[in-house]
PDB file of all heavy atoms in Angstrom:
ATOM      1  N   TYR A   1       0.834  -1.197   0.025  1.00  0.00           N
ATOM      2  CA  TYR A   1       0.007  -0.017   0.024  1.00  0.00           C
ATOM      3  C   TYR A   1       0.895   1.343  -0.008  1.00  0.00           C
ATOM      4  O   TYR A   1       1.985   1.280   0.588  1.00  0.00           O
ATOM      5  CB  TYR A   1      -0.939   0.025   1.216  1.00  0.00           C
ATOM      6  CG  TYR A   1      -2.173  -0.768   0.984  1.00  0.00           C
ATOM      7  CD1 TYR A   1      -2.161  -2.008   1.580  1.00  0.00           C
ATOM      8  CD2 TYR A   1      -3.291  -0.207   0.406  1.00  0.00           C
ATOM      9  CE1 TYR A   1      -3.430  -2.853   1.416  1.00  0.00           C
ATOM     10  CE2 TYR A   1      -4.474  -0.963   0.213  1.00  0.00           C
ATOM     11  CZ  TYR A   1      -4.465  -2.205   0.669  1.00  0.00           C
ATOM     12  OH  TYR A   1      -5.672  -2.912   0.504  1.00  0.00           O
ATOM     13  N   GLN A   2       0.457   2.285  -0.723  1.00  0.00           N
ATOM     14  CA  GLN A   2       1.126   3.483  -0.761  1.00  0.00           C
ATOM     15  C   GLN A   2       0.146   4.606  -0.763  1.00  0.00           C
ATOM     16  O   GLN A   2      -1.044   4.622  -1.111  1.00  0.00           O
ATOM     17  CB  GLN A   2       1.903   3.789  -2.100  1.00  0.00           C
ATOM     18  CG  GLN A   2       3.117   3.211  -2.140  1.00  0.00           C
ATOM     19  CD  GLN A   2       3.958   3.546  -3.461  1.00  0.00           C
ATOM     20  OE1 GLN A   2       3.423   4.046  -4.376  1.00  0.00           O
ATOM     21  NE2 GLN A   2       5.280   3.664  -3.256  1.00  0.00           N
ATOM     22  N   LEU A   3       0.493   5.646  -0.061  1.00  0.00           N
ATOM     23  CA  LEU A   3      -0.289   6.865   0.023  1.00  0.00           C
ATOM     24  C   LEU A   3       0.500   7.972  -0.662  1.00  0.00           C
ATOM     25  O   LEU A   3       1.477   8.283  -0.205  1.00  0.00           O
ATOM     26  CB  LEU A   3      -0.618   7.321   1.459  1.00  0.00           C
ATOM     27  CG  LEU A   3      -1.519   8.493   1.767  1.00  0.00           C
ATOM     28  CD1 LEU A   3      -2.955   8.214   1.341  1.00  0.00           C
ATOM     29  CD2 LEU A   3      -1.407   8.891   3.154  1.00  0.00           C
ATOM     30  N   VAL A   4      -0.014   8.549  -1.693  1.00  0.00           N
ATOM     31  CA  VAL A   4       0.662   9.559  -2.425  1.00  0.00           C
ATOM     32  C   VAL A   4      -0.113  10.852  -2.179  1.00  0.00           C
ATOM     33  O   VAL A   4      -1.315  10.939  -2.353  1.00  0.00           O
ATOM     34  CB  VAL A   4       0.693   9.205  -3.992  1.00  0.00           C
ATOM     35  CG1 VAL A   4       1.297  10.416  -4.704  1.00  0.00           C
ATOM     36  CG2 VAL A   4       1.316   7.990  -4.289  1.00  0.00           C
ATOM     37  N   VAL A   5       0.698  11.829  -1.741  1.00  0.00           N
ATOM     38  CA  VAL A   5       0.050  13.180  -1.264  1.00  0.00           C
ATOM     39  C   VAL A   5       0.444  14.237  -2.352  1.00  0.00           C
ATOM     40  O   VAL A   5       1.803  14.327  -2.565  1.00  0.00           O
ATOM     41  CB  VAL A   5       0.503  13.562   0.084  1.00  0.00           C
ATOM     42  CG1 VAL A   5      -0.115  14.899   0.593  1.00  0.00           C
ATOM     43  CG2 VAL A   5       0.212  12.484   1.140  1.00  0.00           C
ATOM     44  N   LYS A   6      -0.459  14.917  -2.929  1.00  0.00           N
ATOM     45  CA  LYS A   6      -0.188  15.974  -4.040  1.00  0.00           C
ATOM     46  C   LYS A   6      -0.421  17.335  -3.252  1.00  0.00           C
ATOM     47  O   LYS A   6      -1.396  17.506  -2.468  1.00  0.00           O
ATOM     48  CB  LYS A   6      -1.064  15.889  -5.115  1.00  0.00           C
ATOM     49  CG  LYS A   6      -0.857  14.722  -5.889  1.00  0.00           C
ATOM     50  CD  LYS A   6       0.256  14.931  -6.820  1.00  0.00           C
ATOM     51  CE  LYS A   6       0.504  13.737  -7.863  1.00  0.00           C
ATOM     52  NZ  LYS A   6       1.348  14.251  -9.016  1.00  0.00           N
ATOM     53  N   ASP A   7       0.433  18.241  -3.457  1.00  0.00           N
ATOM     54  CA  ASP A   7       0.213  19.594  -3.040  1.00  0.00           C
ATOM     55  C   ASP A   7      -1.020  20.190  -3.709  1.00  0.00           C
ATOM     56  O   ASP A   7      -1.080  20.171  -4.942  1.00  0.00           O
ATOM     57  CB  ASP A   7       1.528  20.428  -3.346  1.00  0.00           C
ATOM     58  CG  ASP A   7       1.512  21.837  -2.834  1.00  0.00           C
ATOM     59  OD1 ASP A   7       0.364  22.588  -3.135  1.00  0.00           O
ATOM     60  OD2 ASP A   7       2.428  22.308  -2.231  1.00  0.00           O
ATOM     61  N   GLY A   8      -1.970  20.689  -2.950  1.00  0.00           N
ATOM     62  CA  GLY A   8      -3.228  21.105  -3.575  1.00  0.00           C
ATOM     63  C   GLY A   8      -2.985  22.341  -4.266  1.00  0.00           C
ATOM     64  O   GLY A   8      -3.932  22.677  -5.238  1.00  0.00           O
ATOM     65  N   GLN A   9      -2.092  23.163  -4.075  1.00  0.00           N
ATOM     66  CA  GLN A   9      -2.001  24.487  -4.769  1.00  0.00           C
ATOM     67  C   GLN A   9      -1.056  24.315  -5.980  1.00  0.00           C
ATOM     68  O   GLN A   9      -1.362  24.643  -7.065  1.00  0.00           O
ATOM     69  CB  GLN A   9      -1.394  25.542  -3.873  1.00  0.00           C
ATOM     70  CG  GLN A   9      -1.322  26.959  -4.417  1.00  0.00           C
ATOM     71  CD  GLN A   9      -1.119  27.981  -3.482  1.00  0.00           C
ATOM     72  OE1 GLN A   9      -0.243  27.760  -2.558  1.00  0.00           O
ATOM     73  NE2 GLN A   9      -1.660  29.084  -3.470  1.00  0.00           N
ATOM     74  N   ALA A  10       0.141  23.676  -5.765  1.00  0.00           N
ATOM     75  CA  ALA A  10       1.059  23.475  -6.935  1.00  0.00           C
ATOM     76  C   ALA A  10       0.828  22.323  -7.847  1.00  0.00           C
ATOM     77  O   ALA A  10       1.344  22.224  -8.981  1.00  0.00           O
ATOM     78  CB  ALA A  10       2.467  23.417  -6.310  1.00  0.00           C
ATOM     79  N   GLY A  11       0.119  21.301  -7.302  1.00  0.00           N
ATOM     80  CA  GLY A  11      -0.215  20.147  -8.103  1.00  0.00           C
ATOM     81  C   GLY A  11       1.037  19.129  -8.222  1.00  0.00           C
ATOM     82  O   GLY A  11       0.943  18.190  -8.912  1.00  0.00           O
ATOM     83  N   THR A  12       1.986  19.442  -7.478  1.00  0.00           N
ATOM     84  CA  THR A  12       3.260  18.539  -7.576  1.00  0.00           C
ATOM     85  C   THR A  12       3.121  17.463  -6.304  1.00  0.00           C
ATOM     86  O   THR A  12       2.392  17.705  -5.377  1.00  0.00           O
ATOM     87  CB  THR A  12       4.538  19.410  -7.297  1.00  0.00           C
ATOM     88  OG1 THR A  12       4.523  20.139  -6.026  1.00  0.00           O
ATOM     89  CG2 THR A  12       4.691  20.387  -8.418  1.00  0.00           C
ATOM     90  N   GLU A  13       3.974  16.453  -6.418  1.00  0.00           N
ATOM     91  CA  GLU A  13       3.850  15.468  -5.288  1.00  0.00           C
ATOM     92  C   GLU A  13       4.556  16.148  -4.003  1.00  0.00           C
ATOM     93  O   GLU A  13       5.703  16.679  -3.993  1.00  0.00           O
ATOM     94  CB  GLU A  13       4.745  14.281  -5.730  1.00  0.00           C
ATOM     95  CG  GLU A  13       4.549  13.106  -4.702  1.00  0.00           C
ATOM     96  CD  GLU A  13       5.219  11.865  -5.173  1.00  0.00           C
ATOM     97  OE1 GLU A  13       4.803  11.346  -6.284  1.00  0.00           O
ATOM     98  OE2 GLU A  13       5.935  11.316  -4.391  1.00  0.00           O
ATOM     99  N   TYR A  14       3.743  16.117  -2.915  1.00  0.00           N
ATOM    100  CA  TYR A  14       4.206  16.608  -1.689  1.00  0.00           C
ATOM    101  C   TYR A  14       4.980  15.404  -0.955  1.00  0.00           C
ATOM    102  O   TYR A  14       5.982  15.906  -0.244  1.00  0.00           O
ATOM    103  CB  TYR A  14       3.018  16.935  -0.811  1.00  0.00           C
ATOM    104  CG  TYR A  14       3.264  17.614   0.496  1.00  0.00           C
ATOM    105  CD1 TYR A  14       3.848  18.900   0.712  1.00  0.00           C
ATOM    106  CD2 TYR A  14       3.138  16.824   1.637  1.00  0.00           C
ATOM    107  CE1 TYR A  14       4.120  19.366   1.939  1.00  0.00           C
ATOM    108  CE2 TYR A  14       3.409  17.341   2.757  1.00  0.00           C
ATOM    109  CZ  TYR A  14       4.037  18.667   3.028  1.00  0.00           C
ATOM    110  OH  TYR A  14       4.232  19.028   4.303  1.00  0.00           O
ATOM    111  N   GLY A  15       4.581  14.252  -1.103  1.00  0.00           N
ATOM    112  CA  GLY A  15       5.399  13.106  -0.388  1.00  0.00           C
ATOM    113  C   GLY A  15       4.587  11.685  -0.782  1.00  0.00           C
ATOM    114  O   GLY A  15       3.497  11.742  -1.270  1.00  0.00           O
ATOM    115  N   ARG A  16       5.214  10.681  -0.394  1.00  0.00           N
ATOM    116  CA  ARG A  16       4.729   9.470  -0.713  1.00  0.00           C
ATOM    117  C   ARG A  16       5.086   8.539   0.584  1.00  0.00           C
ATOM    118  O   ARG A  16       6.090   8.514   1.062  1.00  0.00           O
ATOM    119  CB  ARG A  16       5.300   8.872  -1.936  1.00  0.00           C
ATOM    120  CG  ARG A  16       4.955   7.554  -2.335  1.00  0.00           C
ATOM    121  CD  ARG A  16       5.739   7.014  -3.583  1.00  0.00           C
ATOM    122  NE  ARG A  16       5.335   8.112  -4.629  1.00  0.00           N
ATOM    123  CZ  ARG A  16       4.824   7.809  -5.869  1.00  0.00           C
ATOM    124  NH1 ARG A  16       4.447   6.563  -6.076  1.00  0.00           N
ATOM    125  NH2 ARG A  16       4.579   8.742  -6.698  1.00  0.00           N
ATOM    126  N   LEU A  17       4.080   7.760   1.000  1.00  0.00           N
ATOM    127  CA  LEU A  17       4.193   6.918   2.232  1.00  0.00           C
ATOM    128  C   LEU A  17       4.073   5.431   1.758  1.00  0.00           C
ATOM    129  O   LEU A  17       3.061   5.220   1.075  1.00  0.00           O
ATOM    130  CB  LEU A  17       3.274   7.084   3.373  1.00  0.00           C
ATOM    131  CG  LEU A  17       3.340   8.539   3.998  1.00  0.00           C
ATOM    132  CD1 LEU A  17       2.243   8.763   4.937  1.00  0.00           C
ATOM    133  CD2 LEU A  17       4.744   8.859   4.606  1.00  0.00           C
ATOM    134  N   THR A  18       4.894   4.562   2.049  1.00  0.00           N
ATOM    135  CA  THR A  18       4.717   3.090   1.691  1.00  0.00           C
ATOM    136  C   THR A  18       4.557   2.387   2.935  1.00  0.00           C
ATOM    137  O   THR A  18       5.321   2.530   3.877  1.00  0.00           O
ATOM    138  CB  THR A  18       5.977   2.626   0.871  1.00  0.00           C
ATOM    139  OG1 THR A  18       6.048   3.296  -0.258  1.00  0.00           O
ATOM    140  CG2 THR A  18       5.806   1.095   0.569  1.00  0.00           C
ATOM    141  N   PHE A  19       3.507   1.572   3.015  1.00  0.00           N
ATOM    142  CA  PHE A  19       3.186   0.740   4.261  1.00  0.00           C
ATOM    143  C   PHE A  19       3.650  -0.623   4.142  1.00  0.00           C
ATOM    144  O   PHE A  19       3.288  -1.422   3.242  1.00  0.00           O
ATOM    145  CB  PHE A  19       1.747   0.837   4.575  1.00  0.00           C
ATOM    146  CG  PHE A  19       1.303   2.189   4.627  1.00  0.00           C
ATOM    147  CD1 PHE A  19       0.398   2.776   3.675  1.00  0.00           C
ATOM    148  CD2 PHE A  19       1.588   3.196   5.561  1.00  0.00           C
ATOM    149  CE1 PHE A  19      -0.037   4.056   3.793  1.00  0.00           C
ATOM    150  CE2 PHE A  19       1.178   4.468   5.759  1.00  0.00           C
ATOM    151  CZ  PHE A  19       0.384   4.827   4.789  1.00  0.00           C
ATOM    152  N   GLU A  20       4.583  -1.075   5.010  1.00  0.00           N
ATOM    153  CA  GLU A  20       5.206  -2.377   5.044  1.00  0.00           C
ATOM    154  C   GLU A  20       4.191  -3.415   5.562  1.00  0.00           C
ATOM    155  O   GLU A  20       3.317  -2.916   6.404  1.00  0.00           O
ATOM    156  CB  GLU A  20       6.484  -2.531   5.800  1.00  0.00           C
ATOM    157  CG  GLU A  20       7.560  -1.570   5.298  1.00  0.00           C
ATOM    158  CD  GLU A  20       8.063  -1.988   3.834  1.00  0.00           C
ATOM    159  OE1 GLU A  20       8.024  -3.234   3.617  1.00  0.00           O
ATOM    160  OE2 GLU A  20       8.561  -1.214   3.110  1.00  0.00           O
ATOM    161  N   GLY A  21       4.131  -4.591   5.144  1.00  0.00           N
ATOM    162  CA  GLY A  21       3.325  -5.543   5.672  1.00  0.00           C
ATOM    163  C   GLY A  21       1.949  -5.775   4.846  1.00  0.00           C
ATOM    164  O   GLY A  21       1.892  -5.157   3.825  1.00  0.00           O
ATOM    165  N   ASP A  22       1.097  -6.598   5.398  1.00  0.00           N
ATOM    166  CA  ASP A  22      -0.123  -6.900   4.761  1.00  0.00           C
ATOM    167  C   ASP A  22      -1.374  -6.249   5.564  1.00  0.00           C
ATOM    168  O   ASP A  22      -1.601  -6.643   6.676  1.00  0.00           O
ATOM    169  CB  ASP A  22      -0.305  -8.360   4.623  1.00  0.00           C
ATOM    170  CG  ASP A  22      -1.430  -8.812   3.807  1.00  0.00           C
ATOM    171  OD1 ASP A  22      -2.065  -8.030   3.036  1.00  0.00           O
ATOM    172  OD2 ASP A  22      -1.865 -10.049   3.670  1.00  0.00           O
ATOM    173  N   TRP A  23      -1.854  -5.185   4.972  1.00  0.00           N
ATOM    174  CA  TRP A  23      -2.848  -4.431   5.641  1.00  0.00           C
ATOM    175  C   TRP A  23      -4.249  -4.606   5.145  1.00  0.00           C
ATOM    176  O   TRP A  23      -4.498  -4.950   3.984  1.00  0.00           O
ATOM    177  CB  TRP A  23      -2.526  -2.892   5.431  1.00  0.00           C
ATOM    178  CG  TRP A  23      -1.276  -2.579   6.220  1.00  0.00           C
ATOM    179  CD1 TRP A  23      -0.049  -2.470   5.723  1.00  0.00           C
ATOM    180  CD2 TRP A  23      -1.202  -2.050   7.497  1.00  0.00           C
ATOM    181  NE1 TRP A  23       0.755  -2.060   6.708  1.00  0.00           N
ATOM    182  CE2 TRP A  23       0.166  -1.729   7.833  1.00  0.00           C
ATOM    183  CE3 TRP A  23      -2.160  -1.774   8.435  1.00  0.00           C
ATOM    184  CZ2 TRP A  23       0.535  -1.300   9.016  1.00  0.00           C
ATOM    185  CZ3 TRP A  23      -1.770  -1.301   9.757  1.00  0.00           C
ATOM    186  CH2 TRP A  23      -0.330  -1.025   9.949  1.00  0.00           C
ATOM    187  N   ALA A  24      -5.180  -4.409   6.028  1.00  0.00           N
ATOM    188  CA  ALA A  24      -6.563  -4.399   5.662  1.00  0.00           C
ATOM    189  C   ALA A  24      -7.425  -3.293   6.281  1.00  0.00           C
ATOM    190  O   ALA A  24      -6.760  -2.772   7.371  1.00  0.00           O
ATOM    191  CB  ALA A  24      -7.267  -5.764   5.997  1.00  0.00           C
ATOM    192  N   ASP A  25      -8.530  -3.000   5.908  1.00  0.00           N
ATOM    193  CA  ASP A  25      -9.355  -1.953   6.524  1.00  0.00           C
ATOM    194  C   ASP A  25      -8.604  -0.608   6.860  1.00  0.00           C
ATOM    195  O   ASP A  25      -8.682  -0.050   7.950  1.00  0.00           O
ATOM    196  CB  ASP A  25      -9.873  -2.406   7.892  1.00  0.00           C
ATOM    197  CG  ASP A  25     -11.042  -1.738   8.378  1.00  0.00           C
ATOM    198  OD1 ASP A  25     -11.699  -1.123   7.572  1.00  0.00           O
ATOM    199  OD2 ASP A  25     -11.257  -1.741   9.694  1.00  0.00           O
ATOM    200  N   LEU A  26      -7.717  -0.154   5.939  1.00  0.00           N
ATOM    201  CA  LEU A  26      -7.063   1.099   5.972  1.00  0.00           C
ATOM    202  C   LEU A  26      -7.915   2.227   5.960  1.00  0.00           C
ATOM    203  O   LEU A  26      -8.706   2.416   5.095  1.00  0.00           O
ATOM    204  CB  LEU A  26      -5.856   1.217   4.916  1.00  0.00           C
ATOM    205  CG  LEU A  26      -4.643   0.370   5.165  1.00  0.00           C
ATOM    206  CD1 LEU A  26      -3.778   0.576   3.945  1.00  0.00           C
ATOM    207  CD2 LEU A  26      -3.861   0.975   6.309  1.00  0.00           C
ATOM    208  N   ALA A  27      -7.752   3.213   6.830  1.00  0.00           N
ATOM    209  CA  ALA A  27      -8.469   4.566   6.965  1.00  0.00           C
ATOM    210  C   ALA A  27      -7.430   5.677   7.149  1.00  0.00           C
ATOM    211  O   ALA A  27      -6.556   5.524   7.912  1.00  0.00           O
ATOM    212  CB  ALA A  27      -9.502   4.591   7.991  1.00  0.00           C
ATOM    213  N   ILE A  28      -7.620   6.728   6.322  1.00  0.00           N
ATOM    214  CA  ILE A  28      -6.779   7.822   6.432  1.00  0.00           C
ATOM    215  C   ILE A  28      -7.517   9.130   6.918  1.00  0.00           C
ATOM    216  O   ILE A  28      -8.660   9.364   6.474  1.00  0.00           O
ATOM    217  CB  ILE A  28      -6.122   8.115   5.038  1.00  0.00           C
ATOM    218  CG1 ILE A  28      -5.546   6.930   4.271  1.00  0.00           C
ATOM    219  CG2 ILE A  28      -5.129   9.293   5.157  1.00  0.00           C
ATOM    220  CD1 ILE A  28      -4.417   6.265   5.003  1.00  0.00           C
ATOM    221  N   SER A  29      -6.954   9.765   7.759  1.00  0.00           N
ATOM    222  CA  SER A  29      -7.389  11.036   8.191  1.00  0.00           C
ATOM    223  C   SER A  29      -6.400  12.008   8.535  1.00  0.00           C
ATOM    224  O   SER A  29      -5.127  11.650   8.510  1.00  0.00           O
ATOM    225  CB  SER A  29      -8.351  10.830   9.526  1.00  0.00           C
ATOM    226  OG  SER A  29      -7.627  10.336  10.571  1.00  0.00           O
ATOM    227  N   SER A  30      -6.844  13.291   8.805  1.00  0.00           N
ATOM    228  CA  SER A  30      -5.768  14.309   9.068  1.00  0.00           C
ATOM    229  C   SER A  30      -6.192  15.213  10.234  1.00  0.00           C
ATOM    230  O   SER A  30      -7.470  15.560  10.153  1.00  0.00           O
ATOM    231  CB  SER A  30      -5.327  15.012   7.916  1.00  0.00           C
ATOM    232  OG  SER A  30      -6.190  15.804   7.427  1.00  0.00           O
ATOM    233  N   TYR A  31      -5.466  15.619  11.040  1.00  0.00           N
ATOM    234  CA  TYR A  31      -5.780  16.607  12.098  1.00  0.00           C
ATOM    235  C   TYR A  31      -4.279  16.971  12.755  1.00  0.00           C
ATOM    236  O   TYR A  31      -3.373  16.295  12.440  1.00  0.00           O
ATOM    237  CB  TYR A  31      -6.766  16.225  13.159  1.00  0.00           C
ATOM    238  CG  TYR A  31      -6.426  14.862  13.863  1.00  0.00           C
ATOM    239  CD1 TYR A  31      -5.669  14.936  15.154  1.00  0.00           C
ATOM    240  CD2 TYR A  31      -6.852  13.754  13.534  1.00  0.00           C
ATOM    241  CE1 TYR A  31      -5.410  13.825  15.742  1.00  0.00           C
ATOM    242  CE2 TYR A  31      -6.638  12.570  14.219  1.00  0.00           C
ATOM    243  CZ  TYR A  31      -5.904  12.656  15.395  1.00  0.00           C
ATOM    244  OH  TYR A  31      -5.733  11.479  16.049  1.00  0.00           O
ATOM    245  N   ASP A  32      -4.352  17.991  13.520  1.00  0.00           N
ATOM    246  CA  ASP A  32      -3.030  18.340  14.188  1.00  0.00           C
ATOM    247  C   ASP A  32      -2.829  17.509  15.430  1.00  0.00           C
ATOM    248  O   ASP A  32      -3.148  17.816  16.511  1.00  0.00           O
ATOM    249  CB  ASP A  32      -3.069  19.852  14.633  1.00  0.00           C
ATOM    250  CG  ASP A  32      -1.846  20.379  15.171  1.00  0.00           C
ATOM    251  OD1 ASP A  32      -0.815  19.713  15.132  1.00  0.00           O
ATOM    252  OD2 ASP A  32      -1.807  21.524  15.605  1.00  0.00           O
ATOM    253  N   ALA A  33      -2.227  16.329  15.180  1.00  0.00           N
ATOM    254  CA  ALA A  33      -2.109  15.320  16.318  1.00  0.00           C
ATOM    255  C   ALA A  33      -0.917  15.804  17.322  1.00  0.00           C
ATOM    256  O   ALA A  33      -1.033  15.263  18.444  1.00  0.00           O
ATOM    257  CB  ALA A  33      -1.571  14.007  15.666  1.00  0.00           C
ATOM    258  N   ASN A  34       0.055  16.646  16.954  1.00  0.00           N
ATOM    259  CA  ASN A  34       1.161  16.973  17.799  1.00  0.00           C
ATOM    260  C   ASN A  34       1.056  18.561  18.210  1.00  0.00           C
ATOM    261  O   ASN A  34       2.020  18.928  18.788  1.00  0.00           O
ATOM    262  CB  ASN A  34       2.410  16.612  17.205  1.00  0.00           C
ATOM    263  CG  ASN A  34       2.827  17.405  15.861  1.00  0.00           C
ATOM    264  OD1 ASN A  34       1.849  18.051  15.427  1.00  0.00           O
ATOM    265  ND2 ASN A  34       3.996  17.205  15.364  1.00  0.00           N
ATOM    266  N   SER A  35      -0.062  18.946  18.062  1.00  0.00           N
ATOM    267  CA  SER A  35      -0.331  20.496  18.423  1.00  0.00           C
ATOM    268  C   SER A  35       0.736  21.443  18.042  1.00  0.00           C
ATOM    269  O   SER A  35       1.141  22.376  18.861  1.00  0.00           O
ATOM    270  CB  SER A  35      -0.483  20.501  19.995  1.00  0.00           C
ATOM    271  OG  SER A  35      -1.415  19.706  20.443  1.00  0.00           O
ATOM    272  N   ASP A  36       1.294  21.343  16.777  1.00  0.00           N
ATOM    273  CA  ASP A  36       2.326  22.144  16.286  1.00  0.00           C
ATOM    274  C   ASP A  36       1.668  23.284  15.246  1.00  0.00           C
ATOM    275  O   ASP A  36       2.337  23.988  14.759  1.00  0.00           O
ATOM    276  CB  ASP A  36       3.475  21.578  15.671  1.00  0.00           C
ATOM    277  CG  ASP A  36       3.037  20.800  14.294  1.00  0.00           C
ATOM    278  OD1 ASP A  36       1.858  20.697  14.055  1.00  0.00           O
ATOM    279  OD2 ASP A  36       3.963  20.308  13.626  1.00  0.00           O
TER     280      ASP A  36
END
């Protein structure tokens, strides 16, 4: 599994995450988890 993130303004790739292992029921969300 990979999560590819595109910059919403520039349209370029912001980053890419690859998840090791065999995953099921993946859910993605976003919020300020570390209060920065």
